[in-house]
Amino acid sequence: MPCASELPRMNKHFKIVAMLHVVFGAVTLVGLALIAHVEQTIMNMSRVLGADRPMPHNSGVVVDFFLSALPLLFVVQIAGGWGLWKGKAWARPVLITMGILCLLAFPSGTALGIYTMWVLLAQMPCPAIDSPSLR
């Protein structure tokens, strides 16, 4: 368990983790919006140009599923980052879960996931999370 002199240093890491999750979530949402736009443009162009072979009816189902489901995860990530920035206790388990999921997004997500685990799974006393000094 960190001593009282380490709490300001760990508070700084909490803020860094919070901001990284907000930025990572926002950048990923923008990327998903671009992918959705490109996918829709390609589908429209194939219809307009009258492709020789029509695209299979279910060709976009997987892409559409991910473009529908993934934004929810990143909205939760942004909310968790904002909550941790504000010192809310509920944000810690949310970001631990998001950190585990980020481990799959190599290489930047993996780095964020490892850093998140290192900061949020440290043996911190509970009052340090809800303290006004994080605000």
N, C-alpha and C. Protein backbone atom coordinates (compact mmCIF):
# COMPACT_ATOMS: atom_id res chain seq x y z
N MET A 1 0.86 -1.18 0.00
CA MET A 1 0.00 0.00 0.00
C MET A 1 0.90 1.23 0.00
N PRO A 2 0.63 2.19 -0.89
CA PRO A 2 1.48 3.37 -0.96
C PRO A 2 1.36 4.20 0.31
N CYS A 3 2.47 4.79 0.66
CA CYS A 3 2.44 5.67 1.83
C CYS A 3 1.82 7.01 1.42
N ALA A 4 1.57 7.84 2.41
CA ALA A 4 0.91 9.12 2.16
C ALA A 4 1.71 10.00 1.21
N SER A 5 3.05 9.88 1.22
CA SER A 5 3.86 10.72 0.34
C SER A 5 3.73 10.32 -1.13
N GLU A 6 3.27 9.08 -1.41
CA GLU A 6 3.11 8.63 -2.79
C GLU A 6 1.74 9.01 -3.37
N LEU A 7 0.80 9.44 -2.55
CA LEU A 7 -0.54 9.73 -3.04
C LEU A 7 -0.56 10.85 -4.08
N PRO A 8 0.16 11.96 -3.92
CA PRO A 8 0.14 12.98 -4.98
C PRO A 8 0.67 12.43 -6.32
N ARG A 9 1.69 11.60 -6.27
CA ARG A 9 2.23 11.01 -7.49
C ARG A 9 1.20 10.10 -8.14
N MET A 10 0.50 9.29 -7.35
CA MET A 10 -0.51 8.40 -7.90
C MET A 10 -1.71 9.20 -8.40
N ASN A 11 -2.06 10.31 -7.73
CA ASN A 11 -3.14 11.16 -8.22
C ASN A 11 -2.81 11.69 -9.61
N LYS A 12 -1.55 12.02 -9.83
CA LYS A 12 -1.12 12.48 -11.15
C LYS A 12 -1.33 11.36 -12.18
N HIS A 13 -1.01 10.13 -11.81
CA HIS A 13 -1.20 9.00 -12.73
C HIS A 13 -2.69 8.74 -12.98
N PHE A 14 -3.53 8.93 -11.97
CA PHE A 14 -4.97 8.78 -12.18
C PHE A 14 -5.45 9.77 -13.24
N LYS A 15 -4.98 11.01 -13.15
CA LYS A 15 -5.38 12.03 -14.12
C LYS A 15 -4.87 11.69 -15.52
N ILE A 16 -3.66 11.18 -15.60
CA ILE A 16 -3.10 10.80 -16.90
C ILE A 16 -3.91 9.66 -17.51
N VAL A 17 -4.22 8.65 -16.71
CA VAL A 17 -5.03 7.52 -17.21
C VAL A 17 -6.39 8.02 -17.66
N ALA A 18 -7.00 8.89 -16.88
CA ALA A 18 -8.32 9.42 -17.24
C ALA A 18 -8.27 10.13 -18.58
N MET A 19 -7.30 11.01 -18.75
CA MET A 19 -7.21 11.77 -20.00
C MET A 19 -6.87 10.87 -21.18
N LEU A 20 -6.00 9.89 -20.98
CA LEU A 20 -5.67 8.97 -22.07
C LEU A 20 -6.89 8.18 -22.53
N HIS A 21 -7.73 7.76 -21.59
CA HIS A 21 -8.93 7.02 -21.98
C HIS A 21 -9.92 7.92 -22.71
N VAL A 22 -10.05 9.17 -22.31
CA VAL A 22 -10.94 10.09 -23.02
C VAL A 22 -10.43 10.30 -24.44
N VAL A 23 -9.14 10.54 -24.58
CA VAL A 23 -8.55 10.80 -25.91
C VAL A 23 -8.63 9.54 -26.78
N PHE A 24 -8.26 8.38 -26.22
CA PHE A 24 -8.29 7.13 -26.99
C PHE A 24 -9.72 6.83 -27.45
N GLY A 25 -10.68 7.00 -26.58
CA GLY A 25 -12.08 6.75 -26.94
C GLY A 25 -12.56 7.72 -28.01
N ALA A 26 -12.21 8.99 -27.89
CA ALA A 26 -12.66 9.98 -28.87
C ALA A 26 -12.02 9.75 -30.24
N VAL A 27 -10.72 9.47 -30.26
CA VAL A 27 -10.04 9.21 -31.53
C VAL A 27 -10.60 7.96 -32.19
N THR A 28 -10.89 6.94 -31.41
CA THR A 28 -11.45 5.72 -31.97
C THR A 28 -12.85 5.95 -32.51
N LEU A 29 -13.65 6.76 -31.83
CA LEU A 29 -14.98 7.08 -32.35
C LEU A 29 -14.90 7.82 -33.69
N VAL A 30 -13.96 8.73 -33.81
CA VAL A 30 -13.77 9.43 -35.09
C VAL A 30 -13.35 8.44 -36.17
N GLY A 31 -12.44 7.52 -35.83
CA GLY A 31 -12.01 6.50 -36.79
C GLY A 31 -13.16 5.61 -37.22
N LEU A 32 -14.00 5.22 -36.28
CA LEU A 32 -15.16 4.39 -36.63
C LEU A 32 -16.14 5.15 -37.52
N ALA A 33 -16.29 6.44 -37.28
CA ALA A 33 -17.18 7.24 -38.13
C ALA A 33 -16.62 7.31 -39.55
N LEU A 34 -15.31 7.44 -39.69
CA LEU A 34 -14.70 7.46 -41.02
C LEU A 34 -14.86 6.12 -41.72
N ILE A 35 -14.68 5.03 -40.99
CA ILE A 35 -14.86 3.70 -41.57
C ILE A 35 -16.31 3.52 -42.03
N ALA A 36 -17.25 3.95 -41.23
CA ALA A 36 -18.66 3.84 -41.60
C ALA A 36 -18.96 4.65 -42.86
N HIS A 37 -18.37 5.83 -42.94
CA HIS A 37 -18.58 6.68 -44.12
C HIS A 37 -18.00 6.02 -45.38
N VAL A 38 -16.79 5.50 -45.27
CA VAL A 38 -16.16 4.84 -46.42
C VAL A 38 -16.95 3.61 -46.83
N GLU A 39 -17.40 2.82 -45.86
CA GLU A 39 -18.17 1.62 -46.17
C GLU A 39 -19.47 1.99 -46.87
N GLN A 40 -20.14 3.02 -46.41
CA GLN A 40 -21.39 3.45 -47.03
C GLN A 40 -21.14 4.00 -48.43
N THR A 41 -20.05 4.72 -48.61
CA THR A 41 -19.72 5.25 -49.93
C THR A 41 -19.45 4.13 -50.92
N ILE A 42 -18.71 3.11 -50.50
CA ILE A 42 -18.42 1.98 -51.38
C ILE A 42 -19.71 1.25 -51.76
N MET A 43 -20.60 1.04 -50.79
CA MET A 43 -21.87 0.38 -51.10
C MET A 43 -22.70 1.21 -52.08
N ASN A 44 -22.73 2.52 -51.89
CA ASN A 44 -23.49 3.38 -52.80
C ASN A 44 -22.88 3.41 -54.19
N MET A 45 -21.55 3.46 -54.26
CA MET A 45 -20.89 3.47 -55.56
C MET A 45 -21.14 2.18 -56.32
N SER A 46 -21.16 1.06 -55.63
CA SER A 46 -21.40 -0.21 -56.32
C SER A 46 -22.82 -0.26 -56.87
N ARG A 47 -23.76 0.37 -56.18
CA ARG A 47 -25.14 0.41 -56.69
C ARG A 47 -25.25 1.35 -57.89
N VAL A 48 -24.62 2.51 -57.81
CA VAL A 48 -24.70 3.50 -58.88
C VAL A 48 -24.00 3.01 -60.14
N LEU A 49 -22.83 2.39 -59.96
CA LEU A 49 -22.06 1.92 -61.11
C LEU A 49 -22.61 0.63 -61.70
N GLY A 50 -23.57 0.04 -61.04
CA GLY A 50 -24.17 -1.19 -61.55
C GLY A 50 -23.15 -2.31 -61.67
N ALA A 51 -22.66 -2.75 -60.55
CA ALA A 51 -21.64 -3.80 -60.54
C ALA A 51 -22.13 -5.02 -61.32
N ASP A 52 -21.20 -5.68 -62.04
CA ASP A 52 -21.54 -6.88 -62.82
C ASP A 52 -22.15 -7.93 -61.93
N ARG A 53 -21.52 -8.15 -60.80
CA ARG A 53 -22.05 -9.11 -59.83
C ARG A 53 -22.54 -8.32 -58.63
N PRO A 54 -23.81 -8.45 -58.31
CA PRO A 54 -24.28 -7.73 -57.12
C PRO A 54 -23.59 -8.25 -55.86
N MET A 55 -23.37 -7.34 -54.95
CA MET A 55 -22.73 -7.73 -53.69
C MET A 55 -23.68 -8.63 -52.92
N PRO A 56 -23.15 -9.62 -52.21
CA PRO A 56 -24.03 -10.46 -51.40
C PRO A 56 -24.82 -9.61 -50.41
N HIS A 57 -26.04 -10.03 -50.16
CA HIS A 57 -26.93 -9.25 -49.30
C HIS A 57 -26.37 -9.07 -47.89
N ASN A 58 -25.66 -10.06 -47.38
CA ASN A 58 -25.16 -9.99 -46.01
C ASN A 58 -23.70 -9.57 -45.93
N SER A 59 -23.14 -8.99 -46.99
CA SER A 59 -21.72 -8.66 -46.98
C SER A 59 -21.36 -7.60 -45.95
N GLY A 60 -22.29 -6.72 -45.65
CA GLY A 60 -21.97 -5.66 -44.70
C GLY A 60 -22.48 -5.92 -43.30
N VAL A 61 -23.02 -7.11 -43.04
CA VAL A 61 -23.62 -7.39 -41.73
C VAL A 61 -22.58 -7.32 -40.62
N VAL A 62 -21.44 -7.95 -40.84
CA VAL A 62 -20.40 -7.96 -39.81
C VAL A 62 -19.87 -6.55 -39.58
N VAL A 63 -19.60 -5.84 -40.66
CA VAL A 63 -19.11 -4.46 -40.53
C VAL A 63 -20.16 -3.60 -39.83
N ASP A 64 -21.40 -3.73 -40.24
CA ASP A 64 -22.46 -2.94 -39.60
C ASP A 64 -22.61 -3.27 -38.12
N PHE A 65 -22.46 -4.54 -37.76
CA PHE A 65 -22.55 -4.91 -36.35
C PHE A 65 -21.45 -4.21 -35.55
N PHE A 66 -20.21 -4.28 -36.04
CA PHE A 66 -19.12 -3.66 -35.30
C PHE A 66 -19.24 -2.14 -35.29
N LEU A 67 -19.72 -1.57 -36.37
CA LEU A 67 -19.88 -0.13 -36.40
C LEU A 67 -21.05 0.33 -35.53
N SER A 68 -21.92 -0.59 -35.16
CA SER A 68 -23.03 -0.25 -34.25
C SER A 68 -22.68 -0.51 -32.79
N ALA A 69 -21.95 -1.61 -32.53
CA ALA A 69 -21.67 -2.02 -31.15
C ALA A 69 -20.44 -1.33 -30.57
N LEU A 70 -19.39 -1.17 -31.37
CA LEU A 70 -18.16 -0.61 -30.83
C LEU A 70 -18.28 0.83 -30.32
N PRO A 71 -19.05 1.70 -30.97
CA PRO A 71 -19.16 3.05 -30.41
C PRO A 71 -19.68 3.07 -28.99
N LEU A 72 -20.54 2.14 -28.63
CA LEU A 72 -21.03 2.09 -27.25
C LEU A 72 -19.89 1.85 -26.27
N LEU A 73 -18.97 0.96 -26.63
CA LEU A 73 -17.82 0.70 -25.76
C LEU A 73 -16.97 1.95 -25.58
N PHE A 74 -16.78 2.69 -26.67
CA PHE A 74 -15.91 3.85 -26.57
C PHE A 74 -16.59 5.03 -25.88
N VAL A 75 -17.91 5.10 -25.95
CA VAL A 75 -18.64 6.10 -25.17
C VAL A 75 -18.49 5.78 -23.68
N VAL A 76 -18.58 4.50 -23.33
CA VAL A 76 -18.37 4.08 -21.94
C VAL A 76 -16.94 4.42 -21.51
N GLN A 77 -15.98 4.21 -22.39
CA GLN A 77 -14.58 4.52 -22.07
C GLN A 77 -14.41 6.02 -21.82
N ILE A 78 -15.01 6.84 -22.65
CA ILE A 78 -14.91 8.29 -22.46
C ILE A 78 -15.59 8.69 -21.15
N ALA A 79 -16.74 8.13 -20.87
CA ALA A 79 -17.44 8.44 -19.62
C ALA A 79 -16.61 7.99 -18.41
N GLY A 80 -16.00 6.82 -18.50
CA GLY A 80 -15.15 6.34 -17.40
C GLY A 80 -13.95 7.24 -17.18
N GLY A 81 -13.34 7.68 -18.27
CA GLY A 81 -12.20 8.61 -18.15
C GLY A 81 -12.62 9.92 -17.52
N TRP A 82 -13.76 10.43 -17.94
CA TRP A 82 -14.27 11.67 -17.35
C TRP A 82 -14.60 11.48 -15.87
N GLY A 83 -15.21 10.33 -15.55
CA GLY A 83 -15.54 10.05 -14.16
C GLY A 83 -14.29 9.94 -13.28
N LEU A 84 -13.25 9.30 -13.80
CA LEU A 84 -12.01 9.19 -13.03
C LEU A 84 -11.37 10.57 -12.86
N TRP A 85 -11.44 11.38 -13.90
CA TRP A 85 -10.90 12.75 -13.82
C TRP A 85 -11.59 13.54 -12.72
N LYS A 86 -12.91 13.31 -12.58
CA LYS A 86 -13.68 14.01 -11.55
C LYS A 86 -13.60 13.34 -10.19
N GLY A 87 -12.91 12.20 -10.09
CA GLY A 87 -12.73 11.53 -8.81
C GLY A 87 -13.87 10.64 -8.39
N LYS A 88 -14.66 10.16 -9.33
CA LYS A 88 -15.80 9.29 -9.00
C LYS A 88 -15.33 7.86 -8.79
N ALA A 89 -15.84 7.21 -7.76
CA ALA A 89 -15.42 5.85 -7.42
C ALA A 89 -15.90 4.83 -8.46
N TRP A 90 -17.03 5.06 -9.12
CA TRP A 90 -17.56 4.12 -10.10
C TRP A 90 -16.68 4.02 -11.34
N ALA A 91 -15.86 5.04 -11.58
CA ALA A 91 -15.05 5.06 -12.80
C ALA A 91 -13.90 4.06 -12.77
N ARG A 92 -13.42 3.76 -11.59
CA ARG A 92 -12.27 2.85 -11.49
C ARG A 92 -12.58 1.46 -12.06
N PRO A 93 -13.65 0.77 -11.65
CA PRO A 93 -13.92 -0.54 -12.25
C PRO A 93 -14.26 -0.45 -13.74
N VAL A 94 -14.88 0.65 -14.15
CA VAL A 94 -15.18 0.82 -15.58
C VAL A 94 -13.89 0.87 -16.38
N LEU A 95 -12.93 1.66 -15.91
CA LEU A 95 -11.68 1.78 -16.65
C LEU A 95 -10.79 0.55 -16.51
N ILE A 96 -10.91 -0.18 -15.43
CA ILE A 96 -10.18 -1.45 -15.35
C ILE A 96 -10.70 -2.39 -16.43
N THR A 97 -12.01 -2.46 -16.58
CA THR A 97 -12.60 -3.30 -17.63
C THR A 97 -12.18 -2.80 -19.01
N MET A 98 -12.24 -1.51 -19.23
CA MET A 98 -11.83 -0.97 -20.53
C MET A 98 -10.34 -1.17 -20.77
N GLY A 99 -9.54 -1.11 -19.72
CA GLY A 99 -8.12 -1.37 -19.86
C GLY A 99 -7.85 -2.79 -20.30
N ILE A 100 -8.62 -3.73 -19.78
CA ILE A 100 -8.47 -5.13 -20.19
C ILE A 100 -8.86 -5.28 -21.66
N LEU A 101 -9.95 -4.64 -22.07
CA LEU A 101 -10.36 -4.70 -23.47
C LEU A 101 -9.36 -4.00 -24.39
N CYS A 102 -8.74 -2.93 -23.90
CA CYS A 102 -7.76 -2.20 -24.70
C CYS A 102 -6.51 -3.03 -24.98
N LEU A 103 -6.24 -4.01 -24.13
CA LEU A 103 -5.07 -4.85 -24.35
C LEU A 103 -5.10 -5.52 -25.72
N LEU A 104 -6.28 -5.71 -26.28
CA LEU A 104 -6.42 -6.36 -27.58
C LEU A 104 -6.08 -5.44 -28.75
N ALA A 105 -6.07 -4.14 -28.53
CA ALA A 105 -5.83 -3.17 -29.60
C ALA A 105 -4.34 -2.84 -29.68
N PHE A 106 -3.58 -3.73 -30.29
CA PHE A 106 -2.13 -3.58 -30.38
C PHE A 106 -1.78 -2.49 -31.37
N PRO A 107 -0.82 -1.66 -31.15
CA PRO A 107 0.09 -1.51 -30.03
C PRO A 107 -0.33 -0.44 -29.03
N SER A 108 -1.05 0.60 -29.49
CA SER A 108 -1.36 1.70 -28.58
C SER A 108 -2.35 1.30 -27.50
N GLY A 109 -3.34 0.49 -27.84
CA GLY A 109 -4.29 0.02 -26.84
C GLY A 109 -3.65 -0.87 -25.81
N THR A 110 -2.68 -1.67 -26.25
CA THR A 110 -1.96 -2.54 -25.33
C THR A 110 -1.18 -1.70 -24.31
N ALA A 111 -0.52 -0.67 -24.81
CA ALA A 111 0.22 0.22 -23.90
C ALA A 111 -0.74 0.91 -22.92
N LEU A 112 -1.87 1.38 -23.43
CA LEU A 112 -2.86 2.02 -22.56
C LEU A 112 -3.42 1.04 -21.54
N GLY A 113 -3.69 -0.19 -21.97
CA GLY A 113 -4.21 -1.21 -21.05
C GLY A 113 -3.22 -1.55 -19.95
N ILE A 114 -1.95 -1.69 -20.31
CA ILE A 114 -0.93 -2.01 -19.31
C ILE A 114 -0.78 -0.85 -18.31
N TYR A 115 -0.73 0.36 -18.83
CA TYR A 115 -0.60 1.52 -17.95
C TYR A 115 -1.83 1.65 -17.04
N THR A 116 -3.01 1.40 -17.60
CA THR A 116 -4.24 1.45 -16.80
C THR A 116 -4.20 0.43 -15.68
N MET A 117 -3.79 -0.79 -16.01
CA MET A 117 -3.69 -1.83 -14.97
C MET A 117 -2.68 -1.44 -13.90
N TRP A 118 -1.55 -0.91 -14.33
CA TRP A 118 -0.50 -0.54 -13.37
C TRP A 118 -0.99 0.53 -12.41
N VAL A 119 -1.72 1.50 -12.92
CA VAL A 119 -2.18 2.60 -12.07
C VAL A 119 -3.39 2.19 -11.23
N LEU A 120 -4.41 1.60 -11.86
CA LEU A 120 -5.67 1.38 -11.16
C LEU A 120 -5.70 0.13 -10.30
N LEU A 121 -4.80 -0.81 -10.56
CA LEU A 121 -4.78 -2.01 -9.73
C LEU A 121 -3.74 -1.94 -8.62
N ALA A 122 -3.08 -0.79 -8.50
CA ALA A 122 -2.15 -0.59 -7.38
C ALA A 122 -2.96 -0.61 -6.09
N GLN A 123 -2.33 -1.02 -5.02
CA GLN A 123 -3.02 -1.09 -3.73
C GLN A 123 -3.22 0.32 -3.20
N MET A 124 -4.31 0.94 -3.66
CA MET A 124 -4.63 2.31 -3.24
C MET A 124 -5.72 2.27 -2.18
N PRO A 125 -5.59 3.08 -1.15
CA PRO A 125 -6.70 3.19 -0.21
C PRO A 125 -7.89 3.86 -0.90
N CYS A 126 -9.09 3.42 -0.58
CA CYS A 126 -10.30 3.93 -1.23
C CYS A 126 -10.50 5.44 -1.08
N PRO A 127 -10.16 6.05 0.06
CA PRO A 127 -10.38 7.50 0.17
C PRO A 127 -9.58 8.29 -0.86
N ALA A 128 -8.48 7.73 -1.37
CA ALA A 128 -7.67 8.49 -2.35
C ALA A 128 -8.43 8.68 -3.64
N ILE A 129 -9.35 7.79 -3.97
CA ILE A 129 -10.08 7.91 -5.22
C ILE A 129 -11.16 8.98 -5.13
N ASP A 130 -11.86 9.03 -4.01
CA ASP A 130 -12.94 10.00 -3.85
C ASP A 130 -12.47 11.31 -3.23
N SER A 131 -11.17 11.48 -3.14
CA SER A 131 -10.68 12.69 -2.46
C SER A 131 -10.86 13.91 -3.34
N PRO A 132 -11.08 15.06 -2.73
CA PRO A 132 -11.21 16.30 -3.49
C PRO A 132 -9.92 16.68 -4.20
N SER A 133 -8.78 16.13 -3.78
CA SER A 133 -7.51 16.49 -4.41
C SER A 133 -7.42 16.00 -5.84
N LEU A 134 -8.27 15.03 -6.24
CA LEU A 134 -8.29 14.58 -7.62
C LEU A 134 -9.05 15.55 -8.52
N ARG A 135 -9.86 16.36 -7.94
CA ARG A 135 -10.71 17.27 -8.72
C ARG A 135 -9.99 18.49 -9.16
